[in-house]
Amino acid sequence: MINMDMVGRLNTENHIYVNGAGSFPDGVRFMKNLGESLNLTPIVHAGSVGGSDHVSFYQKKIAVLGIHTGAHPQYHKPEDTIDLINISGEKIICYYIYKAIMALATTNYTMTFIEQD
């Protein structure tokens, strides 16, 4: 399960935060390596699943990724307007996610669940 929550604010360091990568085999390396070709700096957490919509899937023993571009001062406020979205950055994030899906879907990779402590 891939949860893309708050992916519109890619920063100047090109940080993309990935939670739950330890919930499937070799997930941390896989997600870090995908970022290199796109000039992204993935901050990948193996054990931290995070606290968004994907957690309920994790609790049902389904491998998850929670992907976001970080917190910002306008979070859940009326000031969080469309002009603050980094459109070109969001396109890169979407391609990163697309590459992850296609890499897994076009190989013989077996997705298995790994519970995190």
PDB file of N, CA and C in Angstrom:
ATOM      1  N   MET A   1       0.851  -1.164   0.000  1.00  0.00           N
ATOM      2  CA  MET A   1       0.000   0.000   0.000  1.00  0.00           C
ATOM      3  C   MET A   1       0.896   1.226   0.000  1.00  0.00           C
ATOM      4  N   ILE A   2       0.642   2.116  -0.919  1.00  0.00           N
ATOM      5  CA  ILE A   2       1.427   3.356  -0.989  1.00  0.00           C
ATOM      6  C   ILE A   2       0.501   4.520  -0.668  1.00  0.00           C
ATOM      7  N   ASN A   3       0.847   5.261   0.361  1.00  0.00           N
ATOM      8  CA  ASN A   3       0.089   6.438   0.769  1.00  0.00           C
ATOM      9  C   ASN A   3       0.899   7.671   0.399  1.00  0.00           C
ATOM     10  N   MET A   4       0.348   8.471  -0.496  1.00  0.00           N
ATOM     11  CA  MET A   4       0.996   9.718  -0.909  1.00  0.00           C
ATOM     12  C   MET A   4       0.249  10.851  -0.226  1.00  0.00           C
ATOM     13  N   ASP A   5       0.782  11.318   0.875  1.00  0.00           N
ATOM     14  CA  ASP A   5       0.120  12.321   1.696  1.00  0.00           C
ATOM     15  C   ASP A   5       1.068  13.494   1.866  1.00  0.00           C
ATOM     16  N   MET A   6       0.668  14.657   1.397  1.00  0.00           N
ATOM     17  CA  MET A   6       1.505  15.856   1.477  1.00  0.00           C
ATOM     18  C   MET A   6       2.773  15.715   0.643  1.00  0.00           C
ATOM     19  N   VAL A   7       2.601  15.540  -0.660  1.00  0.00           N
ATOM     20  CA  VAL A   7       3.745  15.377  -1.560  1.00  0.00           C
ATOM     21  C   VAL A   7       3.983  16.610  -2.436  1.00  0.00           C
ATOM     22  N   GLY A   8       3.374  17.721  -2.110  1.00  0.00           N
ATOM     23  CA  GLY A   8       3.454  18.900  -2.970  1.00  0.00           C
ATOM     24  C   GLY A   8       4.452  19.962  -2.572  1.00  0.00           C
ATOM     25  N   ARG A   9       5.318  19.685  -1.633  1.00  0.00           N
ATOM     26  CA  ARG A   9       6.235  20.733  -1.176  1.00  0.00           C
ATOM     27  C   ARG A   9       7.694  20.270  -1.209  1.00  0.00           C
ATOM     28  N   LEU A  10       8.130  19.725  -2.327  1.00  0.00           N
ATOM     29  CA  LEU A  10       9.531  19.305  -2.436  1.00  0.00           C
ATOM     30  C   LEU A  10      10.425  20.499  -2.138  1.00  0.00           C
ATOM     31  N   ASN A  11      11.363  20.328  -1.199  1.00  0.00           N
ATOM     32  CA  ASN A  11      12.216  21.442  -0.784  1.00  0.00           C
ATOM     33  C   ASN A  11      13.471  21.540  -1.654  1.00  0.00           C
ATOM     34  N   THR A  12      14.292  22.533  -1.391  1.00  0.00           N
ATOM     35  CA  THR A  12      15.479  22.777  -2.216  1.00  0.00           C
ATOM     36  C   THR A  12      16.523  21.678  -2.078  1.00  0.00           C
ATOM     37  N   GLU A  13      16.467  20.898  -0.997  1.00  0.00           N
ATOM     38  CA  GLU A  13      17.388  19.769  -0.819  1.00  0.00           C
ATOM     39  C   GLU A  13      16.843  18.496  -1.469  1.00  0.00           C
ATOM     40  N   ASN A  14      15.649  18.584  -2.075  1.00  0.00           N
ATOM     41  CA  ASN A  14      15.006  17.446  -2.740  1.00  0.00           C
ATOM     42  C   ASN A  14      14.768  16.271  -1.801  1.00  0.00           C
ATOM     43  N   HIS A  15      14.372  16.582  -0.571  1.00  0.00           N
ATOM     44  CA  HIS A  15      14.071  15.535   0.403  1.00  0.00           C
ATOM     45  C   HIS A  15      12.693  14.947   0.147  1.00  0.00           C
ATOM     46  N   ILE A  16      12.637  13.638   0.129  1.00  0.00           N
ATOM     47  CA  ILE A  16      11.367  12.924   0.134  1.00  0.00           C
ATOM     48  C   ILE A  16      11.446  11.950   1.295  1.00  0.00           C
ATOM     49  N   TYR A  17      10.416  11.957   2.119  1.00  0.00           N
ATOM     50  CA  TYR A  17      10.400  11.138   3.327  1.00  0.00           C
ATOM     51  C   TYR A  17       9.558   9.890   3.072  1.00  0.00           C
ATOM     52  N   VAL A  18      10.132   8.749   3.426  1.00  0.00           N
ATOM     53  CA  VAL A  18       9.479   7.467   3.166  1.00  0.00           C
ATOM     54  C   VAL A  18       9.430   6.677   4.469  1.00  0.00           C
ATOM     55  N   ASN A  19       8.243   6.433   4.965  1.00  0.00           N
ATOM     56  CA  ASN A  19       8.052   5.613   6.159  1.00  0.00           C
ATOM     57  C   ASN A  19       7.584   4.222   5.744  1.00  0.00           C
ATOM     58  N   GLY A  20       7.931   3.233   6.549  1.00  0.00           N
ATOM     59  CA  GLY A  20       7.449   1.874   6.328  1.00  0.00           C
ATOM     60  C   GLY A  20       8.271   1.025   5.382  1.00  0.00           C
ATOM     61  N   ALA A  21       9.406   1.519   4.928  1.00  0.00           N
ATOM     62  CA  ALA A  21      10.200   0.764   3.949  1.00  0.00           C
ATOM     63  C   ALA A  21      10.733  -0.550   4.504  1.00  0.00           C
ATOM     64  N   GLY A  22      10.727  -0.697   5.804  1.00  0.00           N
ATOM     65  CA  GLY A  22      11.147  -1.963   6.403  1.00  0.00           C
ATOM     66  C   GLY A  22      10.035  -2.990   6.452  1.00  0.00           C
ATOM     67  N   SER A  23       8.847  -2.630   5.985  1.00  0.00           N
ATOM     68  CA  SER A  23       7.722  -3.564   6.043  1.00  0.00           C
ATOM     69  C   SER A  23       7.696  -4.530   4.864  1.00  0.00           C
ATOM     70  N   PHE A  24       8.701  -4.444   3.992  1.00  0.00           N
ATOM     71  CA  PHE A  24       8.845  -5.413   2.906  1.00  0.00           C
ATOM     72  C   PHE A  24      10.329  -5.633   2.632  1.00  0.00           C
ATOM     73  N   PRO A  25      10.710  -6.795   2.075  1.00  0.00           N
ATOM     74  CA  PRO A  25      12.122  -7.142   1.911  1.00  0.00           C
ATOM     75  C   PRO A  25      12.904  -6.135   1.062  1.00  0.00           C
ATOM     76  N   ASP A  26      14.040  -5.709   1.613  1.00  0.00           N
ATOM     77  CA  ASP A  26      14.980  -4.824   0.927  1.00  0.00           C
ATOM     78  C   ASP A  26      14.382  -3.458   0.583  1.00  0.00           C
ATOM     79  N   GLY A  27      13.325  -3.072   1.313  1.00  0.00           N
ATOM     80  CA  GLY A  27      12.612  -1.840   1.011  1.00  0.00           C
ATOM     81  C   GLY A  27      13.431  -0.578   1.170  1.00  0.00           C
ATOM     82  N   VAL A  28      14.287  -0.526   2.177  1.00  0.00           N
ATOM     83  CA  VAL A  28      15.084   0.683   2.411  1.00  0.00           C
ATOM     84  C   VAL A  28      16.039   0.920   1.242  1.00  0.00           C
ATOM     85  N   ARG A  29      16.795  -0.088   0.884  1.00  0.00           N
ATOM     86  CA  ARG A  29      17.732   0.051  -0.238  1.00  0.00           C
ATOM     87  C   ARG A  29      16.991   0.377  -1.534  1.00  0.00           C
ATOM     88  N   PHE A  30      15.900  -0.324  -1.754  1.00  0.00           N
ATOM     89  CA  PHE A  30      15.096  -0.138  -2.960  1.00  0.00           C
ATOM     90  C   PHE A  30      14.646   1.320  -3.102  1.00  0.00           C
ATOM     91  N   MET A  31      14.063   1.892  -2.056  1.00  0.00           N
ATOM     92  CA  MET A  31      13.543   3.257  -2.130  1.00  0.00           C
ATOM     93  C   MET A  31      14.666   4.291  -2.217  1.00  0.00           C
ATOM     94  N   LYS A  32      15.791   4.047  -1.534  1.00  0.00           N
ATOM     95  CA  LYS A  32      16.930   4.975  -1.641  1.00  0.00           C
ATOM     96  C   LYS A  32      17.501   4.977  -3.051  1.00  0.00           C
ATOM     97  N   ASN A  33      17.698   3.794  -3.616  1.00  0.00           N
ATOM     98  CA  ASN A  33      18.291   3.703  -4.953  1.00  0.00           C
ATOM     99  C   ASN A  33      17.416   4.350  -6.024  1.00  0.00           C
ATOM    100  N   LEU A  34      16.116   4.238  -5.903  1.00  0.00           N
ATOM    101  CA  LEU A  34      15.217   4.853  -6.883  1.00  0.00           C
ATOM    102  C   LEU A  34      15.370   6.366  -6.923  1.00  0.00           C
ATOM    103  N   GLY A  35      15.689   6.967  -5.808  1.00  0.00           N
ATOM    104  CA  GLY A  35      15.795   8.418  -5.741  1.00  0.00           C
ATOM    105  C   GLY A  35      17.010   8.989  -6.438  1.00  0.00           C
ATOM    106  N   GLU A  36      18.078   8.212  -6.509  1.00  0.00           N
ATOM    107  CA  GLU A  36      19.335   8.723  -7.075  1.00  0.00           C
ATOM    108  C   GLU A  36      19.184   9.189  -8.521  1.00  0.00           C
ATOM    109  N   SER A  37      18.513   8.413  -9.359  1.00  0.00           N
ATOM    110  CA  SER A  37      18.402   8.769 -10.774  1.00  0.00           C
ATOM    111  C   SER A  37      17.535  10.006 -10.997  1.00  0.00           C
ATOM    112  N   LEU A  38      16.746  10.386 -10.000  1.00  0.00           N
ATOM    113  CA  LEU A  38      15.870  11.555 -10.120  1.00  0.00           C
ATOM    114  C   LEU A  38      16.400  12.762  -9.347  1.00  0.00           C
ATOM    115  N   ASN A  39      17.617  12.647  -8.834  1.00  0.00           N
ATOM    116  CA  ASN A  39      18.231  13.703  -8.045  1.00  0.00           C
ATOM    117  C   ASN A  39      17.424  14.004  -6.782  1.00  0.00           C
ATOM    118  N   LEU A  40      16.774  12.969  -6.249  1.00  0.00           N
ATOM    119  CA  LEU A  40      16.059  13.096  -4.984  1.00  0.00           C
ATOM    120  C   LEU A  40      16.941  12.610  -3.852  1.00  0.00           C
ATOM    121  N   THR A  41      16.668  13.092  -2.661  1.00  0.00           N
ATOM    122  CA  THR A  41      17.359  12.633  -1.462  1.00  0.00           C
ATOM    123  C   THR A  41      16.334  11.953  -0.560  1.00  0.00           C
ATOM    124  N   PRO A  42      16.107  10.657  -0.781  1.00  0.00           N
ATOM    125  CA  PRO A  42      15.129   9.960   0.048  1.00  0.00           C
ATOM    126  C   PRO A  42      15.618   9.800   1.481  1.00  0.00           C
ATOM    127  N   ILE A  43      14.777  10.173   2.420  1.00  0.00           N
ATOM    128  CA  ILE A  43      15.025   9.950   3.840  1.00  0.00           C
ATOM    129  C   ILE A  43      14.113   8.779   4.189  1.00  0.00           C
ATOM    130  N   VAL A  44      14.701   7.600   4.209  1.00  0.00           N
ATOM    131  CA  VAL A  44      13.927   6.366   4.286  1.00  0.00           C
ATOM    132  C   VAL A  44      13.999   5.793   5.697  1.00  0.00           C
ATOM    133  N   HIS A  45      12.836   5.523   6.252  1.00  0.00           N
ATOM    134  CA  HIS A  45      12.729   4.952   7.590  1.00  0.00           C
ATOM    135  C   HIS A  45      12.225   3.522   7.482  1.00  0.00           C
ATOM    136  N   ALA A  46      12.986   2.606   8.032  1.00  0.00           N
ATOM    137  CA  ALA A  46      12.600   1.198   7.984  1.00  0.00           C
ATOM    138  C   ALA A  46      11.565   0.891   9.048  1.00  0.00           C
ATOM    139  N   GLY A  47      11.849   1.226  10.291  1.00  0.00           N
ATOM    140  CA  GLY A  47      11.005   0.824  11.400  1.00  0.00           C
ATOM    141  C   GLY A  47       9.840   1.748  11.669  1.00  0.00           C
ATOM    142  N   SER A  48       9.932   2.977  11.258  1.00  0.00           N
ATOM    143  CA  SER A  48       8.861   3.935  11.513  1.00  0.00           C
ATOM    144  C   SER A  48       7.815   3.831  10.411  1.00  0.00           C
ATOM    145  N   VAL A  49       6.603   3.439  10.802  1.00  0.00           N
ATOM    146  CA  VAL A  49       5.524   3.347   9.826  1.00  0.00           C
ATOM    147  C   VAL A  49       4.855   4.708   9.662  1.00  0.00           C
ATOM    148  N   GLY A  50       4.932   5.537  10.680  1.00  0.00           N
ATOM    149  CA  GLY A  50       4.321   6.858  10.611  1.00  0.00           C
ATOM    150  C   GLY A  50       2.929   6.857  11.207  1.00  0.00           C
ATOM    151  N   GLY A  51       2.138   7.852  10.870  1.00  0.00           N
ATOM    152  CA  GLY A  51       0.825   7.978  11.478  1.00  0.00           C
ATOM    153  C   GLY A  51      -0.252   8.464  10.538  1.00  0.00           C
ATOM    154  N   SER A  52      -0.268   7.985   9.319  1.00  0.00           N
ATOM    155  CA  SER A  52      -1.265   8.454   8.361  1.00  0.00           C
ATOM    156  C   SER A  52      -2.182   7.300   7.945  1.00  0.00           C
ATOM    157  N   ASP A  53      -2.849   7.455   6.837  1.00  0.00           N
ATOM    158  CA  ASP A  53      -3.873   6.506   6.398  1.00  0.00           C
ATOM    159  C   ASP A  53      -3.359   5.096   6.126  1.00  0.00           C
ATOM    160  N   HIS A  54      -2.089   4.934   5.883  1.00  0.00           N
ATOM    161  CA  HIS A  54      -1.542   3.610   5.582  1.00  0.00           C
ATOM    162  C   HIS A  54      -1.386   2.721   6.816  1.00  0.00           C
ATOM    163  N   VAL A  55      -1.466   3.298   8.009  1.00  0.00           N
ATOM    164  CA  VAL A  55      -1.254   2.537   9.241  1.00  0.00           C
ATOM    165  C   VAL A  55      -2.276   1.412   9.392  1.00  0.00           C
ATOM    166  N   SER A  56      -3.519   1.654   9.008  1.00  0.00           N
ATOM    167  CA  SER A  56      -4.537   0.604   9.142  1.00  0.00           C
ATOM    168  C   SER A  56      -4.214  -0.597   8.250  1.00  0.00           C
ATOM    169  N   PHE A  57      -3.567  -0.365   7.115  1.00  0.00           N
ATOM    170  CA  PHE A  57      -3.135  -1.479   6.252  1.00  0.00           C
ATOM    171  C   PHE A  57      -2.000  -2.244   6.922  1.00  0.00           C
ATOM    172  N   TYR A  58      -1.049  -1.501   7.492  1.00  0.00           N
ATOM    173  CA  TYR A  58       0.062  -2.128   8.207  1.00  0.00           C
ATOM    174  C   TYR A  58      -0.465  -3.014   9.339  1.00  0.00           C
ATOM    175  N   GLN A  59      -1.452  -2.539  10.055  1.00  0.00           N
ATOM    176  CA  GLN A  59      -2.021  -3.314  11.158  1.00  0.00           C
ATOM    177  C   GLN A  59      -2.685  -4.610  10.676  1.00  0.00           C
ATOM    178  N   LYS A  60      -3.037  -4.661   9.399  1.00  0.00           N
ATOM    179  CA  LYS A  60      -3.606  -5.876   8.798  1.00  0.00           C
ATOM    180  C   LYS A  60      -2.518  -6.713   8.124  1.00  0.00           C
ATOM    181  N   LYS A  61      -1.246  -6.379   8.426  1.00  0.00           N
ATOM    182  CA  LYS A  61      -0.077  -7.098   7.925  1.00  0.00           C
ATOM    183  C   LYS A  61       0.088  -6.984   6.401  1.00  0.00           C
ATOM    184  N   ILE A  62      -0.106  -5.771   5.926  1.00  0.00           N
ATOM    185  CA  ILE A  62       0.124  -5.435   4.524  1.00  0.00           C
ATOM    186  C   ILE A  62       1.306  -4.468   4.484  1.00  0.00           C
ATOM    187  N   ALA A  63       2.277  -4.740   3.620  1.00  0.00           N
ATOM    188  CA  ALA A  63       3.438  -3.857   3.478  1.00  0.00           C
ATOM    189  C   ALA A  63       2.971  -2.466   3.045  1.00  0.00           C
ATOM    190  N   VAL A  64       3.615  -1.444   3.610  1.00  0.00           N
ATOM    191  CA  VAL A  64       3.185  -0.070   3.349  1.00  0.00           C
ATOM    192  C   VAL A  64       4.361   0.849   3.050  1.00  0.00           C
ATOM    193  N   LEU A  65       4.047   1.931   2.378  1.00  0.00           N
ATOM    194  CA  LEU A  65       4.935   3.078   2.246  1.00  0.00           C
ATOM    195  C   LEU A  65       4.102   4.321   2.513  1.00  0.00           C
ATOM    196  N   GLY A  66       4.588   5.171   3.368  1.00  0.00           N
ATOM    197  CA  GLY A  66       3.983   6.479   3.591  1.00  0.00           C
ATOM    198  C   GLY A  66       4.952   7.516   3.062  1.00  0.00           C
ATOM    199  N   ILE A  67       4.580   8.199   1.997  1.00  0.00           N
ATOM    200  CA  ILE A  67       5.494   9.114   1.306  1.00  0.00           C
ATOM    201  C   ILE A  67       4.994  10.550   1.453  1.00  0.00           C
ATOM    202  N   HIS A  68       5.909  11.456   1.856  1.00  0.00           N
ATOM    203  CA  HIS A  68       5.559  12.871   1.984  1.00  0.00           C
ATOM    204  C   HIS A  68       6.800  13.728   1.780  1.00  0.00           C
ATOM    205  N   THR A  69       6.580  15.021   1.637  1.00  0.00           N
ATOM    206  CA  THR A  69       7.702  15.944   1.434  1.00  0.00           C
ATOM    207  C   THR A  69       7.964  16.825   2.649  1.00  0.00           C
ATOM    208  N   GLY A  70       7.371  16.483   3.777  1.00  0.00           N
ATOM    209  CA  GLY A  70       7.678  17.187   5.018  1.00  0.00           C
ATOM    210  C   GLY A  70       6.578  18.117   5.497  1.00  0.00           C
ATOM    211  N   ALA A  71       6.673  18.461   6.758  1.00  0.00           N
ATOM    212  CA  ALA A  71       5.703  19.363   7.381  1.00  0.00           C
ATOM    213  C   ALA A  71       5.945  20.797   6.922  1.00  0.00           C
ATOM    214  N   HIS A  72       4.926  21.618   7.103  1.00  0.00           N
ATOM    215  CA  HIS A  72       5.050  23.037   6.761  1.00  0.00           C
ATOM    216  C   HIS A  72       4.119  23.848   7.667  1.00  0.00           C
ATOM    217  N   PRO A  73       4.374  25.144   7.818  1.00  0.00           N
ATOM    218  CA  PRO A  73       3.601  25.973   8.762  1.00  0.00           C
ATOM    219  C   PRO A  73       2.114  26.095   8.408  1.00  0.00           C
ATOM    220  N   GLN A  74       1.742  25.849   7.164  1.00  0.00           N
ATOM    221  CA  GLN A  74       0.354  26.019   6.745  1.00  0.00           C
ATOM    222  C   GLN A  74      -0.476  24.740   6.900  1.00  0.00           C
ATOM    223  N   TYR A  75       0.118  23.685   7.459  1.00  0.00           N
ATOM    224  CA  TYR A  75      -0.557  22.393   7.593  1.00  0.00           C
ATOM    225  C   TYR A  75      -1.911  22.530   8.294  1.00  0.00           C
ATOM    226  N   HIS A  76      -2.974  22.077   7.621  1.00  0.00           N
ATOM    227  CA  HIS A  76      -4.350  22.107   8.123  1.00  0.00           C
ATOM    228  C   HIS A  76      -4.836  23.525   8.450  1.00  0.00           C
ATOM    229  N   LYS A  77      -4.378  24.493   7.682  1.00  0.00           N
ATOM    230  CA  LYS A  77      -4.797  25.877   7.886  1.00  0.00           C
ATOM    231  C   LYS A  77      -5.323  26.446   6.571  1.00  0.00           C
ATOM    232  N   PRO A  78      -6.185  27.446   6.627  1.00  0.00           N
ATOM    233  CA  PRO A  78      -6.704  28.064   5.401  1.00  0.00           C
ATOM    234  C   PRO A  78      -5.607  28.671   4.522  1.00  0.00           C
ATOM    235  N   GLU A  79      -4.466  28.983   5.123  1.00  0.00           N
ATOM    236  CA  GLU A  79      -3.357  29.579   4.363  1.00  0.00           C
ATOM    237  C   GLU A  79      -2.652  28.565   3.451  1.00  0.00           C
ATOM    238  N   ASP A  80      -3.026  27.306   3.542  1.00  0.00           N
ATOM    239  CA  ASP A  80      -2.421  26.257   2.703  1.00  0.00           C
ATOM    240  C   ASP A  80      -3.087  26.313   1.329  1.00  0.00           C
ATOM    241  N   THR A  81      -2.578  27.208   0.493  1.00  0.00           N
ATOM    242  CA  THR A  81      -3.196  27.479  -0.808  1.00  0.00           C
ATOM    243  C   THR A  81      -2.392  26.870  -1.951  1.00  0.00           C
ATOM    244  N   ILE A  82      -3.033  26.744  -3.089  1.00  0.00           N
ATOM    245  CA  ILE A  82      -2.455  26.053  -4.235  1.00  0.00           C
ATOM    246  C   ILE A  82      -1.159  26.701  -4.728  1.00  0.00           C
ATOM    247  N   ASP A  83      -1.007  27.989  -4.551  1.00  0.00           N
ATOM    248  CA  ASP A  83       0.202  28.667  -5.020  1.00  0.00           C
ATOM    249  C   ASP A  83       1.454  28.211  -4.273  1.00  0.00           C
ATOM    250  N   LEU A  84       1.294  27.527  -3.151  1.00  0.00           N
ATOM    251  CA  LEU A  84       2.440  27.041  -2.382  1.00  0.00           C
ATOM    252  C   LEU A  84       2.921  25.655  -2.847  1.00  0.00           C
ATOM    253  N   ILE A  85       2.180  25.044  -3.751  1.00  0.00           N
ATOM    254  CA  ILE A  85       2.577  23.723  -4.250  1.00  0.00           C
ATOM    255  C   ILE A  85       3.730  23.871  -5.234  1.00  0.00           C
ATOM    256  N   ASN A  86       4.723  23.029  -5.063  1.00  0.00           N
ATOM    257  CA  ASN A  86       5.862  22.967  -5.971  1.00  0.00           C
ATOM    258  C   ASN A  86       5.486  21.972  -7.083  1.00  0.00           C
ATOM    259  N   ILE A  87       4.883  22.485  -8.148  1.00  0.00           N
ATOM    260  CA  ILE A  87       4.346  21.629  -9.219  1.00  0.00           C
ATOM    261  C   ILE A  87       5.445  20.801  -9.880  1.00  0.00           C
ATOM    262  N   SER A  88       6.563  21.407 -10.214  1.00  0.00           N
ATOM    263  CA  SER A  88       7.639  20.638 -10.862  1.00  0.00           C
ATOM    264  C   SER A  88       8.211  19.601  -9.906  1.00  0.00           C
ATOM    265  N   GLY A  89       8.291  19.941  -8.615  1.00  0.00           N
ATOM    266  CA  GLY A  89       8.738  18.981  -7.611  1.00  0.00           C
ATOM    267  C   GLY A  89       7.755  17.838  -7.445  1.00  0.00           C
ATOM    268  N   GLU A  90       6.463  18.156  -7.478  1.00  0.00           N
ATOM    269  CA  GLU A  90       5.444  17.117  -7.338  1.00  0.00           C
ATOM    270  C   GLU A  90       5.502  16.142  -8.521  1.00  0.00           C
ATOM    271  N   LYS A  91       5.815  16.656  -9.687  1.00  0.00           N
ATOM    272  CA  LYS A  91       5.966  15.786 -10.869  1.00  0.00           C
ATOM    273  C   LYS A  91       7.106  14.787 -10.645  1.00  0.00           C
ATOM    274  N   ILE A  92       8.204  15.237 -10.065  1.00  0.00           N
ATOM    275  CA  ILE A  92       9.337  14.348  -9.771  1.00  0.00           C
ATOM    276  C   ILE A  92       8.932  13.297  -8.745  1.00  0.00           C
ATOM    277  N   ILE A  93       8.211  13.713  -7.725  1.00  0.00           N
ATOM    278  CA  ILE A  93       7.736  12.777  -6.701  1.00  0.00           C
ATOM    279  C   ILE A  93       6.836  11.718  -7.336  1.00  0.00           C
ATOM    280  N   CYS A  94       5.925  12.142  -8.186  1.00  0.00           N
ATOM    281  CA  CYS A  94       5.027  11.188  -8.857  1.00  0.00           C
ATOM    282  C   CYS A  94       5.815  10.208  -9.714  1.00  0.00           C
ATOM    283  N   TYR A  95       6.852  10.681 -10.373  1.00  0.00           N
ATOM    284  CA  TYR A  95       7.663   9.781 -11.190  1.00  0.00           C
ATOM    285  C   TYR A  95       8.439   8.800 -10.308  1.00  0.00           C
ATOM    286  N   TYR A  96       8.893   9.243  -9.172  1.00  0.00           N
ATOM    287  CA  TYR A  96       9.571   8.377  -8.194  1.00  0.00           C
ATOM    288  C   TYR A  96       8.644   7.231  -7.768  1.00  0.00           C
ATOM    289  N   ILE A  97       7.413   7.575  -7.470  1.00  0.00           N
ATOM    290  CA  ILE A  97       6.435   6.568  -7.063  1.00  0.00           C
ATOM    291  C   ILE A  97       6.103   5.641  -8.236  1.00  0.00           C
ATOM    292  N   TYR A  98       5.952   6.207  -9.406  1.00  0.00           N
ATOM    293  CA  TYR A  98       5.699   5.410 -10.608  1.00  0.00           C
ATOM    294  C   TYR A  98       6.835   4.410 -10.840  1.00  0.00           C
ATOM    295  N   LYS A  99       8.073   4.887 -10.700  1.00  0.00           N
ATOM    296  CA  LYS A  99       9.224   3.995 -10.879  1.00  0.00           C
ATOM    297  C   LYS A  99       9.209   2.854  -9.867  1.00  0.00           C
ATOM    298  N   ALA A 100       8.822   3.137  -8.633  1.00  0.00           N
ATOM    299  CA  ALA A 100       8.739   2.093  -7.605  1.00  0.00           C
ATOM    300  C   ALA A 100       7.693   1.053  -7.988  1.00  0.00           C
ATOM    301  N   ILE A 101       6.526   1.514  -8.385  1.00  0.00           N
ATOM    302  CA  ILE A 101       5.458   0.587  -8.770  1.00  0.00           C
ATOM    303  C   ILE A 101       5.878  -0.265  -9.960  1.00  0.00           C
ATOM    304  N   MET A 102       6.423   0.362 -10.973  1.00  0.00           N
ATOM    305  CA  MET A 102       6.804  -0.373 -12.185  1.00  0.00           C
ATOM    306  C   MET A 102       7.960  -1.338 -11.927  1.00  0.00           C
ATOM    307  N   ALA A 103       8.896  -0.956 -11.095  1.00  0.00           N
ATOM    308  CA  ALA A 103      10.023  -1.838 -10.792  1.00  0.00           C
ATOM    309  C   ALA A 103       9.529  -3.108 -10.097  1.00  0.00           C
ATOM    310  N   LEU A 104       8.560  -2.962  -9.224  1.00  0.00           N
ATOM    311  CA  LEU A 104       8.025  -4.129  -8.517  1.00  0.00           C
ATOM    312  C   LEU A 104       7.074  -4.941  -9.395  1.00  0.00           C
ATOM    313  N   ALA A 105       6.299  -4.258 -10.219  1.00  0.00           N
ATOM    314  CA  ALA A 105       5.286  -4.932 -11.037  1.00  0.00           C
ATOM    315  C   ALA A 105       5.876  -5.671 -12.235  1.00  0.00           C
ATOM    316  N   THR A 106       7.058  -5.302 -12.665  1.00  0.00           N
ATOM    317  CA  THR A 106       7.622  -5.902 -13.881  1.00  0.00           C
ATOM    318  C   THR A 106       8.769  -6.872 -13.594  1.00  0.00           C
ATOM    319  N   THR A 107       8.884  -7.306 -12.353  1.00  0.00           N
ATOM    320  CA  THR A 107       9.906  -8.284 -11.991  1.00  0.00           C
ATOM    321  C   THR A 107       9.236  -9.443 -11.266  1.00  0.00           C
ATOM    322  N   ASN A 108      10.031 -10.405 -10.862  1.00  0.00           N
ATOM    323  CA  ASN A 108       9.488 -11.538 -10.103  1.00  0.00           C
ATOM    324  C   ASN A 108       9.603 -11.302  -8.597  1.00  0.00           C
ATOM    325  N   TYR A 109       9.712 -10.058  -8.197  1.00  0.00           N
ATOM    326  CA  TYR A 109       9.805  -9.694  -6.780  1.00  0.00           C
ATOM    327  C   TYR A 109       8.570 -10.183  -6.036  1.00  0.00           C
ATOM    328  N   THR A 110       8.767 -10.822  -4.910  1.00  0.00           N
ATOM    329  CA  THR A 110       7.665 -11.293  -4.089  1.00  0.00           C
ATOM    330  C   THR A 110       7.495 -10.341  -2.908  1.00  0.00           C
ATOM    331  N   MET A 111       6.367  -9.660  -2.881  1.00  0.00           N
ATOM    332  CA  MET A 111       6.081  -8.725  -1.798  1.00  0.00           C
ATOM    333  C   MET A 111       5.597  -9.512  -0.584  1.00  0.00           C
ATOM    334  N   THR A 112       6.389  -9.475   0.471  1.00  0.00           N
ATOM    335  CA  THR A 112       5.999 -10.108   1.710  1.00  0.00           C
ATOM    336  C   THR A 112       6.055  -9.081   2.830  1.00  0.00           C
ATOM    337  N   PHE A 113       5.264  -9.280   3.841  1.00  0.00           N
ATOM    338  CA  PHE A 113       5.157  -8.359   4.964  1.00  0.00           C
ATOM    339  C   PHE A 113       6.211  -8.681   6.021  1.00  0.00           C
ATOM    340  N   ILE A 114       6.859  -7.628   6.532  1.00  0.00           N
ATOM    341  CA  ILE A 114       7.807  -7.762   7.647  1.00  0.00           C
ATOM    342  C   ILE A 114       7.318  -6.833   8.747  1.00  0.00           C
ATOM    343  N   GLU A 115       6.981  -7.412   9.884  1.00  0.00           N
ATOM    344  CA  GLU A 115       6.512  -6.598  11.006  1.00  0.00           C
ATOM    345  C   GLU A 115       7.682  -5.835  11.624  1.00  0.00           C
ATOM    346  N   GLN A 116       7.429  -4.578  11.977  1.00  0.00           N
ATOM    347  CA  GLN A 116       8.444  -3.718  12.581  1.00  0.00           C
ATOM    348  C   GLN A 116       8.205  -3.627  14.076  1.00  0.00           C
ATOM    349  N   ASP A 117       9.289  -3.502  14.839  1.00  0.00           N
ATOM    350  CA  ASP A 117       9.167  -3.380  16.302  1.00  0.00           C
ATOM    351  C   ASP A 117       8.841  -1.977  16.709  1.00  0.00           C
TER     352      ASP A 117
END
